[in-house]
Amino acid sequence: MSDIADLEPLARSREQKAWNWYDWANSAYYTTVLSVLFAPFMITVAGRAAGCGNSADDTCSKTVDVLGLHLAAGALPFYLTSFATIASAFVLPIIGAFVDRSSRKRFHMAAFAWSGSFFAALLFLMRGDHWQLAAVAVVISSILGGCSLVSYYAILVDISTEDERDRVSSRGWAWGYLGGGVLLAINLVMVLAHGAIGLDKEMAVRLSLLSAALWWAGFTFIPFLRLRDHPAQDVVPEVGGLLSRSFGQLFTTLRGMRQFPMTLTFLVAFLFYNDGIQTVIGVASTYGSKELGFGDSVLIATILMIQFVAYGGALLFGRLAATYGAYRCILWGTYAWMVIVVLAMFLPRKNVATFLLAGVAIAIVLGGTQALSRSFFSLLIPRGREGEYFALYNACERGTSWFGTFLFGVVFQITGSYRPAIVALIVFFVLGAVFLLRLDPRRGIEEAGNTVPAVV
């Protein structure tokens, strides 16, 4: 029997390749819909209902009625995404607790993905001055997308050893940038050249929104069919009803993290530096257009470039992690972000070359830090509680991302310039680095009961 080859690494490799496809699938929704096309189109449609005309200008201050609240049409999509983020913080713990006890994580991932893509497809019906259905659809699809990611992240632990984790996560994240970039490129060509293909601009946008939903649903079949079911590990005994188990477990997790101080330290570090990352990405187009004077063509080209360069950045950081360890690479990444925001302050107006170089730097560090954060955190999670901990991770990733934009807005209001506002974001990377320097990665992995990789 000792002469029989161990086929488990080959089986894991097949599952890892299948797992990558869900990053490819869901990234289309986050890039085409949430990052680029939904907000300006929703502003236009809601603006008509409010009497703002056909302008997509987000300064339209006329309001629409949302459950008795009078919200400015120009701010409506941002209120909706903020509400979805807050709601996710309450919903994800329930999903995390459920996922931890399930041996069918791939089924739950796919079910949430297909449900989310269904609601995302309803955005195609947003037209004229009919915004109400789309408002409901974007909130529900965003929440369901987060639910699918809790299951998806938990599967990473089932299909990879501790030594494989960084490589697998980096490759998945790279595939996500590539998939999201490919569809976004197709859709932007369709929107910008709508007349040449016989479409009016709004139909081109609506078809682009629909394509993201179909892409998300269609490519989800690949991991669903190729992944295997894995039995739940070290299940925490159930106590009480569903809500008390889920929300009670969330608070138990926070209290119980005193037993895993390194896990808590990393989560706090991640909260800060990820907030900085999300803010830089979110305000980059505003900074480029308002402060540096670039038009839409330069901004669109930069967005696409970042998507594809981030693919290489994620793979590069995966290779660096194999040599130097994920912890060091994440720490170096926070240092690189500090340099980026300082240099961004001094970018000259209407100098395309320097703006693109800044975009390249952002893309390389962006893909790497996000991919390795996911894999490194998985090493700090006690076995059998992946869903619970990744629900908390997602809540930190999504639920606190308004701190940076708030600081950016306050500094701009005080100074009247976006340049000091962009460099002010360095505080998030400094705080992230401070907490990372307080972290002992080897101790954290051992305290969680996991095997320490050859290179930490």
Protein backbone atom coordinates (compact mmCIF):
# COMPACT_ATOMS: atom_id res chain seq x y z
CA MET A 1 0.00 0.00 0.00
CA SER A 2 2.93 2.38 0.61
CA ASP A 3 3.77 2.26 -3.12
CA ILE A 4 0.43 3.81 -4.10
CA ALA A 5 0.84 7.43 -5.21
CA ASP A 6 -0.84 10.13 -3.17
CA LEU A 7 -3.40 11.62 -5.53
CA GLU A 8 -4.73 14.17 -3.05
CA PRO A 9 -2.45 17.02 -4.28
CA LEU A 10 -3.74 16.44 -7.82
CA ALA A 11 -7.34 16.50 -6.61
CA ARG A 12 -6.67 19.72 -4.68
CA SER A 13 -5.09 21.29 -7.76
CA ARG A 14 -8.20 20.53 -9.83
CA GLU A 15 -10.43 22.07 -7.19
CA GLN A 16 -8.20 25.11 -6.86
CA LYS A 17 -8.45 25.77 -10.58
CA ALA A 18 -12.23 25.41 -10.38
CA TRP A 19 -12.35 27.71 -7.34
CA ASN A 20 -10.56 30.46 -9.29
CA TRP A 21 -13.50 30.71 -11.67
CA TYR A 22 -15.77 32.21 -9.04
CA ASP A 23 -13.46 35.20 -8.69
CA TRP A 24 -13.71 35.50 -12.48
CA ALA A 25 -17.52 35.21 -12.30
CA ASN A 26 -18.44 37.64 -9.51
CA SER A 27 -15.89 40.35 -10.35
CA ALA A 28 -17.94 41.32 -13.41
CA TYR A 29 -20.75 42.47 -11.13
CA TYR A 30 -18.47 44.50 -8.88
CA THR A 31 -16.62 46.20 -11.77
CA THR A 32 -19.25 46.75 -14.47
CA VAL A 33 -22.21 47.35 -12.14
CA LEU A 34 -21.11 48.71 -8.76
CA SER A 35 -17.87 50.45 -9.71
CA VAL A 36 -18.62 52.01 -13.11
CA LEU A 37 -22.08 52.00 -14.68
CA PHE A 38 -24.80 51.70 -12.06
CA ALA A 39 -24.37 54.98 -10.15
CA PRO A 40 -24.35 57.46 -13.06
CA PHE A 41 -27.25 55.67 -14.77
CA MET A 42 -29.31 55.53 -11.56
CA ILE A 43 -28.66 59.27 -11.05
CA THR A 44 -29.97 59.97 -14.56
CA VAL A 45 -33.11 57.84 -14.15
CA ALA A 46 -33.90 59.01 -10.61
CA GLY A 47 -33.11 62.57 -11.67
CA ARG A 48 -35.85 62.43 -14.30
CA ALA A 49 -38.31 61.27 -11.66
CA ALA A 50 -37.21 64.16 -9.43
CA GLY A 51 -37.48 66.69 -12.23
CA CYS A 52 -33.76 67.18 -12.86
CA GLY A 53 -34.00 66.46 -16.58
CA ASN A 54 -31.70 64.10 -18.44
CA SER A 55 -28.43 65.19 -16.83
CA ALA A 56 -26.35 62.60 -15.01
CA ASP A 57 -24.83 65.36 -12.89
CA ASP A 58 -24.59 64.16 -9.31
CA THR A 59 -25.14 67.73 -8.06
CA CYS A 60 -28.86 67.44 -8.79
CA SER A 61 -30.40 68.30 -5.42
CA LYS A 62 -34.04 67.53 -6.20
CA THR A 63 -35.34 64.59 -4.23
CA VAL A 64 -37.15 61.32 -4.67
CA ASP A 65 -39.21 59.59 -2.02
CA VAL A 66 -37.68 56.42 -0.52
CA LEU A 67 -39.89 54.93 2.20
CA GLY A 68 -40.92 58.40 3.31
CA LEU A 69 -37.40 59.81 3.17
CA HIS A 70 -36.66 62.56 0.67
CA LEU A 71 -33.26 61.74 -0.79
CA ALA A 72 -31.39 63.76 -3.41
CA ALA A 73 -31.46 61.97 -6.75
CA GLY A 74 -27.77 62.73 -7.22
CA ALA A 75 -26.90 60.88 -4.01
CA LEU A 76 -29.42 58.01 -4.29
CA PRO A 77 -27.06 55.26 -5.55
CA PHE A 78 -24.60 56.03 -2.76
CA TYR A 79 -27.32 55.83 -0.13
CA LEU A 80 -28.39 52.49 -1.58
CA THR A 81 -24.91 50.97 -1.55
CA SER A 82 -24.35 52.28 1.98
CA PHE A 83 -27.61 50.69 3.12
CA ALA A 84 -26.60 47.39 1.50
CA THR A 85 -23.27 47.55 3.35
CA ILE A 86 -24.95 48.14 6.70
CA ALA A 87 -27.53 45.41 6.06
CA SER A 88 -24.74 42.99 5.12
CA ALA A 89 -23.15 43.49 8.52
CA PHE A 90 -26.33 42.02 10.06
CA VAL A 91 -26.95 39.31 7.47
CA LEU A 92 -23.45 37.90 6.99
CA PRO A 93 -23.06 36.54 10.55
CA ILE A 94 -26.15 34.39 10.00
CA ILE A 95 -24.67 33.06 6.77
CA GLY A 96 -21.25 32.51 8.33
CA ALA A 97 -22.68 30.49 11.21
CA PHE A 98 -24.70 28.41 8.76
CA VAL A 99 -21.77 27.82 6.40
CA ASP A 100 -19.54 26.55 9.21
CA ARG A 101 -22.01 23.72 9.87
CA SER A 102 -22.50 22.78 6.23
CA SER A 103 -20.78 20.18 4.09
CA ARG A 104 -22.23 21.78 0.94
CA LYS A 105 -20.45 25.11 0.81
CA ARG A 106 -20.22 25.03 -3.00
CA PHE A 107 -24.00 24.69 -3.23
CA HIS A 108 -24.57 27.63 -0.90
CA MET A 109 -22.03 29.74 -2.79
CA ALA A 110 -23.74 29.01 -6.09
CA ALA A 111 -27.27 29.49 -4.71
CA PHE A 112 -26.40 32.93 -3.36
CA ALA A 113 -24.61 33.79 -6.61
CA TRP A 114 -27.51 32.78 -8.83
CA SER A 115 -30.00 34.59 -6.59
CA GLY A 116 -27.80 37.69 -6.62
CA SER A 117 -27.39 37.55 -10.39
CA PHE A 118 -31.16 37.30 -10.80
CA PHE A 119 -31.67 40.55 -8.91
CA ALA A 120 -28.74 42.12 -10.76
CA ALA A 121 -30.45 41.23 -14.05
CA LEU A 122 -33.48 43.27 -12.95
CA LEU A 123 -31.33 46.38 -13.37
CA PHE A 124 -31.98 46.00 -17.10
CA LEU A 125 -35.53 47.18 -16.39
CA MET A 126 -34.31 50.58 -15.14
CA ARG A 127 -35.36 53.05 -17.82
CA GLY A 128 -37.24 56.31 -18.30
CA ASP A 129 -37.95 57.52 -14.78
CA HIS A 130 -38.52 54.05 -13.26
CA TRP A 131 -35.82 53.64 -10.61
CA GLN A 132 -37.70 51.92 -7.76
CA LEU A 133 -37.24 48.28 -8.84
CA ALA A 134 -33.57 48.88 -9.57
CA ALA A 135 -33.09 50.38 -6.11
CA VAL A 136 -34.41 47.21 -4.49
CA ALA A 137 -32.49 45.01 -6.92
CA VAL A 138 -29.08 46.58 -6.33
CA VAL A 139 -29.43 46.33 -2.55
CA ILE A 140 -30.49 42.68 -2.59
CA SER A 141 -27.95 41.64 -5.23
CA SER A 142 -25.16 43.32 -3.25
CA ILE A 143 -26.14 41.55 -0.03
CA LEU A 144 -26.42 38.18 -1.80
CA GLY A 145 -23.05 38.74 -3.43
CA GLY A 146 -21.52 39.19 0.02
CA CYS A 147 -23.24 36.01 1.22
CA SER A 148 -21.74 34.04 -1.67
CA LEU A 149 -18.28 35.34 -0.82
CA VAL A 150 -18.52 34.08 2.77
CA SER A 151 -19.02 30.56 1.43
CA TYR A 152 -16.40 31.09 -1.27
CA TYR A 153 -13.71 32.23 1.15
CA ALA A 154 -14.50 29.37 3.52
CA ILE A 155 -13.97 26.87 0.68
CA LEU A 156 -10.38 28.11 0.31
CA VAL A 157 -9.49 26.39 3.59
CA ASP A 158 -11.01 23.09 2.41
CA ILE A 159 -9.12 22.92 -0.88
CA SER A 160 -5.62 24.09 0.08
CA THR A 161 -2.95 23.41 2.65
CA GLU A 162 -1.42 26.22 4.65
CA ASP A 163 1.61 26.29 2.32
CA GLU A 164 -0.64 26.55 -0.77
CA ARG A 165 -2.95 29.23 0.56
CA ASP A 166 -1.13 32.35 -0.71
CA ARG A 167 -0.62 30.98 -4.21
CA VAL A 168 -4.24 29.85 -4.53
CA SER A 169 -5.70 33.12 -3.23
CA SER A 170 -3.40 35.23 -5.41
CA ARG A 171 -4.29 33.29 -8.53
CA GLY A 172 -8.00 33.57 -7.76
CA TRP A 173 -7.76 37.30 -7.19
CA ALA A 174 -5.79 37.67 -10.42
CA TRP A 175 -8.50 35.82 -12.30
CA GLY A 176 -11.04 38.15 -10.76
CA TYR A 177 -9.28 41.22 -12.09
CA LEU A 178 -8.89 39.61 -15.50
CA GLY A 179 -12.52 38.52 -15.75
CA GLY A 180 -13.86 41.81 -14.48
CA GLY A 181 -11.55 43.70 -16.84
CA VAL A 182 -12.51 41.69 -19.93
CA LEU A 183 -16.24 42.26 -19.51
CA LEU A 184 -15.76 45.88 -18.50
CA ALA A 185 -13.71 46.51 -21.65
CA ILE A 186 -16.43 44.95 -23.81
CA ASN A 187 -19.14 46.97 -22.10
CA LEU A 188 -17.29 50.27 -22.26
CA VAL A 189 -16.70 49.77 -25.98
CA MET A 190 -20.42 49.06 -26.40
CA VAL A 191 -21.39 52.18 -24.41
CA LEU A 192 -18.88 54.52 -26.06
CA ALA A 193 -19.58 53.23 -29.59
CA HIS A 194 -23.32 52.70 -29.13
CA GLY A 195 -24.26 54.66 -32.22
CA ALA A 196 -22.01 52.60 -34.48
CA ILE A 197 -23.77 49.38 -33.45
CA GLY A 198 -27.28 50.79 -33.68
CA LEU A 199 -28.03 51.33 -29.98
CA ASP A 200 -28.96 54.41 -28.02
CA LYS A 201 -26.65 55.05 -25.08
CA GLU A 202 -29.11 54.04 -22.37
CA MET A 203 -29.86 50.72 -24.04
CA ALA A 204 -26.11 50.09 -24.26
CA VAL A 205 -25.81 50.74 -20.51
CA ARG A 206 -28.80 48.53 -19.72
CA LEU A 207 -27.37 45.69 -21.83
CA SER A 208 -24.04 46.10 -20.06
CA LEU A 209 -25.74 45.77 -16.66
CA LEU A 210 -27.55 42.66 -17.88
CA SER A 211 -24.34 41.16 -19.27
CA ALA A 212 -22.69 41.39 -15.85
CA ALA A 213 -25.56 39.45 -14.27
CA LEU A 214 -25.42 36.76 -16.97
CA TRP A 215 -21.62 36.54 -16.70
CA TRP A 216 -21.87 36.13 -12.93
CA ALA A 217 -24.51 33.41 -13.18
CA GLY A 218 -22.99 31.55 -16.13
CA PHE A 219 -19.40 31.23 -14.92
CA THR A 220 -20.58 30.20 -11.44
CA PHE A 221 -21.52 26.85 -12.96
CA ILE A 222 -17.83 25.98 -13.37
CA PRO A 223 -16.90 25.97 -9.66
CA PHE A 224 -20.31 24.57 -8.73
CA LEU A 225 -19.83 21.52 -10.96
CA ARG A 226 -16.11 20.97 -10.38
CA LEU A 227 -15.73 21.57 -6.65
CA ARG A 228 -16.37 18.73 -4.21
CA ASP A 229 -18.34 18.69 -1.00
CA HIS A 230 -16.17 18.64 2.12
CA PRO A 231 -17.42 17.63 5.57
CA ALA A 232 -17.67 20.34 8.20
CA GLN A 233 -14.71 20.36 10.58
CA ASP A 234 -14.66 20.89 14.36
CA VAL A 235 -18.24 22.18 14.39
CA VAL A 236 -19.10 24.45 17.30
CA PRO A 237 -22.19 23.03 19.12
CA GLU A 238 -25.44 24.82 18.35
CA VAL A 239 -27.14 26.70 21.17
CA GLY A 240 -30.49 28.49 20.92
CA GLY A 241 -32.37 29.51 17.78
CA LEU A 242 -30.95 30.64 14.46
CA LEU A 243 -30.79 34.35 15.30
CA SER A 244 -29.36 33.84 18.76
CA ARG A 245 -26.81 31.35 17.39
CA SER A 246 -25.75 33.69 14.63
CA PHE A 247 -25.67 37.10 16.27
CA GLY A 248 -24.72 35.56 19.62
CA GLN A 249 -21.90 33.76 17.89
CA LEU A 250 -20.72 37.02 16.31
CA PHE A 251 -20.36 38.67 19.71
CA THR A 252 -18.88 35.47 21.08
CA THR A 253 -16.32 35.68 18.29
CA LEU A 254 -15.39 39.22 19.23
CA ARG A 255 -15.11 38.28 22.91
CA GLY A 256 -13.37 35.02 22.07
CA MET A 257 -10.74 36.81 20.04
CA ARG A 258 -9.05 37.56 23.32
CA GLN A 259 -7.87 33.97 23.00
CA PHE A 260 -6.51 34.82 19.53
CA PRO A 261 -4.92 38.27 20.02
CA MET A 262 -2.92 38.03 16.81
CA THR A 263 -6.09 37.36 14.79
CA LEU A 264 -7.70 40.43 16.32
CA THR A 265 -4.58 42.50 15.72
CA PHE A 266 -4.56 41.59 12.04
CA LEU A 267 -8.27 42.30 11.70
CA VAL A 268 -7.75 45.81 13.12
CA ALA A 269 -4.77 46.37 10.82
CA PHE A 270 -6.84 45.18 7.86
CA LEU A 271 -9.69 47.50 8.82
CA PHE A 272 -7.38 50.51 8.55
CA TYR A 273 -5.26 49.75 5.49
CA ASN A 274 -8.16 48.27 3.53
CA ASP A 275 -10.19 51.41 4.24
CA GLY A 276 -7.33 53.40 2.77
CA ILE A 277 -7.19 51.16 -0.30
CA GLN A 278 -10.93 51.34 -0.93
CA THR A 279 -10.91 55.12 -0.54
CA VAL A 280 -8.03 55.62 -2.97
CA ILE A 281 -9.83 53.53 -5.57
CA GLY A 282 -13.14 55.25 -4.91
CA VAL A 283 -11.83 58.81 -5.20
CA ALA A 284 -9.27 58.25 -7.96
CA SER A 285 -11.61 59.27 -10.78
CA THR A 286 -12.72 62.40 -8.88
CA TYR A 287 -9.10 63.32 -8.21
CA GLY A 288 -8.16 62.71 -11.84
CA SER A 289 -11.03 64.75 -13.26
CA LYS A 290 -11.41 67.61 -10.77
CA GLU A 291 -7.84 68.14 -9.60
CA LEU A 292 -5.74 66.91 -12.53
CA GLY A 293 -8.09 67.97 -15.32
CA PHE A 294 -8.44 64.70 -17.24
CA GLY A 295 -11.42 63.87 -19.41
CA ASP A 296 -13.47 60.69 -19.49
CA SER A 297 -11.29 58.99 -22.11
CA VAL A 298 -8.16 59.15 -19.93
CA LEU A 299 -10.08 58.05 -16.83
CA ILE A 300 -11.70 55.10 -18.63
CA ALA A 301 -8.36 54.00 -20.07
CA THR A 302 -6.81 54.18 -16.61
CA ILE A 303 -9.64 52.13 -15.06
CA LEU A 304 -9.15 49.39 -17.66
CA MET A 305 -5.38 49.47 -17.29
CA ILE A 306 -5.65 49.06 -13.52
CA GLN A 307 -7.86 45.98 -13.98
CA PHE A 308 -5.35 44.21 -16.20
CA VAL A 309 -2.17 45.32 -14.41
CA ALA A 310 -3.71 44.23 -11.08
CA TYR A 311 -3.91 40.72 -12.60
CA GLY A 312 -0.13 40.69 -12.84
CA GLY A 313 0.22 42.38 -9.46
CA ALA A 314 -1.72 39.63 -7.70
CA LEU A 315 0.41 36.93 -9.34
CA LEU A 316 3.61 38.84 -8.53
CA PHE A 317 2.72 39.16 -4.86
CA GLY A 318 1.83 35.45 -4.80
CA ARG A 319 5.35 34.64 -5.99
CA LEU A 320 6.90 37.07 -3.51
CA ALA A 321 4.89 35.47 -0.70
CA ALA A 322 6.33 32.07 -1.58
CA THR A 323 9.80 33.49 -0.91
CA TYR A 324 9.26 36.10 1.80
CA GLY A 325 5.89 35.14 3.30
CA ALA A 326 2.47 36.79 3.07
CA TYR A 327 2.93 38.81 6.27
CA ARG A 328 6.02 40.64 5.03
CA CYS A 329 4.46 41.26 1.61
CA ILE A 330 1.34 42.79 3.15
CA LEU A 331 3.49 45.01 5.37
CA TRP A 332 5.59 46.10 2.38
CA GLY A 333 2.35 46.75 0.52
CA THR A 334 1.20 49.22 3.19
CA TYR A 335 4.53 51.03 2.87
CA ALA A 336 4.04 51.19 -0.89
CA TRP A 337 0.56 52.68 -0.43
CA MET A 338 2.07 55.42 1.76
CA VAL A 339 4.48 56.32 -1.03
CA ILE A 340 1.68 56.27 -3.62
CA VAL A 341 -0.61 58.72 -1.80
CA VAL A 342 2.29 61.10 -1.12
CA LEU A 343 3.39 61.07 -4.76
CA ALA A 344 -0.25 61.46 -5.87
CA MET A 345 -0.33 64.82 -4.13
CA PHE A 346 2.38 66.13 -6.44
CA LEU A 347 1.08 64.79 -9.78
CA PRO A 348 1.11 67.61 -12.34
CA ARG A 349 -2.13 68.68 -14.02
CA LYS A 350 -2.97 67.14 -17.39
CA ASN A 351 0.20 65.03 -17.49
CA VAL A 352 -1.14 61.72 -18.76
CA ALA A 353 2.15 59.82 -18.44
CA THR A 354 2.58 60.45 -14.71
CA PHE A 355 -1.11 59.71 -14.06
CA LEU A 356 -0.81 56.36 -15.86
CA LEU A 357 2.38 55.53 -13.94
CA ALA A 358 0.53 56.20 -10.70
CA GLY A 359 -2.22 53.89 -11.96
CA VAL A 360 0.32 51.14 -12.65
CA ALA A 361 1.73 51.46 -9.13
CA ILE A 362 -1.76 51.33 -7.62
CA ALA A 363 -2.68 48.28 -9.69
CA ILE A 364 0.42 46.27 -8.72
CA VAL A 365 0.00 46.87 -4.99
CA LEU A 366 -3.81 46.66 -5.11
CA GLY A 367 -4.02 43.12 -6.44
CA GLY A 368 -1.28 41.81 -4.18
CA THR A 369 -2.35 43.25 -0.83
CA GLN A 370 -5.97 42.19 -1.25
CA ALA A 371 -5.15 38.64 -2.35
CA LEU A 372 -2.62 38.00 0.42
CA SER A 373 -4.84 39.56 3.08
CA ARG A 374 -7.47 36.91 2.31
CA SER A 375 -5.01 34.01 2.42
CA PHE A 376 -3.12 35.24 5.49
CA PHE A 377 -6.33 35.76 7.45
CA SER A 378 -7.37 32.18 6.63
CA LEU A 379 -4.27 30.99 8.54
CA LEU A 380 -5.40 32.87 11.66
CA ILE A 381 -8.87 31.23 11.77
CA PRO A 382 -9.59 28.27 14.08
CA ARG A 383 -10.67 25.27 12.00
CA GLY A 384 -14.42 24.92 11.67
CA ARG A 385 -15.12 28.64 12.13
CA GLU A 386 -14.13 29.88 8.67
CA GLY A 387 -17.60 31.14 7.77
CA GLU A 388 -18.00 32.99 11.06
CA TYR A 389 -14.60 34.65 10.83
CA PHE A 390 -14.85 35.47 7.14
CA ALA A 391 -18.25 37.05 7.78
CA LEU A 392 -16.49 39.35 10.24
CA TYR A 393 -13.69 39.90 7.71
CA ASN A 394 -16.20 40.89 5.02
CA ALA A 395 -17.97 43.19 7.47
CA CYS A 396 -14.65 44.96 8.13
CA GLU A 397 -13.91 45.03 4.42
CA ARG A 398 -17.26 46.54 3.42
CA GLY A 399 -18.78 48.09 6.53
CA THR A 400 -16.00 50.51 7.48
CA SER A 401 -15.04 51.76 4.04
CA TRP A 402 -16.80 55.08 4.66
CA PHE A 403 -14.17 56.31 7.15
CA GLY A 404 -11.70 57.14 4.40
CA THR A 405 -14.20 58.92 2.18
CA PHE A 406 -15.38 60.92 5.20
CA LEU A 407 -11.82 62.06 5.96
CA PHE A 408 -11.24 62.83 2.28
CA GLY A 409 -14.37 64.99 2.21
CA VAL A 410 -13.57 66.81 5.46
CA VAL A 411 -10.02 67.69 4.37
CA PHE A 412 -11.30 68.91 1.01
CA GLN A 413 -13.93 71.06 2.72
CA ILE A 414 -11.29 72.61 5.01
CA THR A 415 -8.61 73.17 2.36
CA GLY A 416 -10.63 73.52 -0.83
CA SER A 417 -8.19 71.22 -2.63
CA TYR A 418 -8.14 67.48 -3.37
CA ARG A 419 -4.34 67.32 -3.05
CA PRO A 420 -4.14 67.50 0.76
CA ALA A 421 -7.26 65.33 0.87
CA ILE A 422 -5.55 62.51 -1.02
CA VAL A 423 -2.37 62.64 1.07
CA ALA A 424 -4.42 62.68 4.29
CA LEU A 425 -5.31 59.06 3.53
CA ILE A 426 -1.78 58.10 4.56
CA VAL A 427 -3.07 57.94 8.14
CA PHE A 428 -4.94 54.71 7.33
CA PHE A 429 -1.83 53.02 5.95
CA VAL A 430 0.29 54.23 8.85
CA LEU A 431 -2.19 52.83 11.37
CA GLY A 432 -2.42 49.59 9.37
CA ALA A 433 1.36 49.25 9.42
CA VAL A 434 1.52 50.03 13.15
CA PHE A 435 -0.83 47.15 13.96
CA LEU A 436 0.91 44.83 11.50
CA LEU A 437 4.23 45.52 13.23
CA ARG A 438 2.61 44.47 16.53
CA LEU A 439 1.60 41.13 15.02
CA ASP A 440 3.57 37.90 15.48
CA PRO A 441 2.39 35.82 12.49
CA ARG A 442 3.86 32.52 13.66
CA ARG A 443 2.27 32.86 17.08
CA GLY A 444 -1.10 33.77 15.52
CA ILE A 445 -1.14 30.73 13.25
CA GLU A 446 -0.17 28.39 16.09
CA GLU A 447 -2.78 29.87 18.44
CA ALA A 448 -5.46 29.21 15.80
CA GLY A 449 -4.37 25.55 15.68
CA ASN A 450 -3.10 25.65 12.11
CA THR A 451 0.17 24.39 10.65
CA VAL A 452 2.74 27.15 10.18
CA PRO A 453 3.74 27.38 6.51
CA ALA A 454 7.38 26.91 5.54
CA VAL A 455 7.57 30.65 4.89
CA VAL A 456 5.31 32.96 6.92
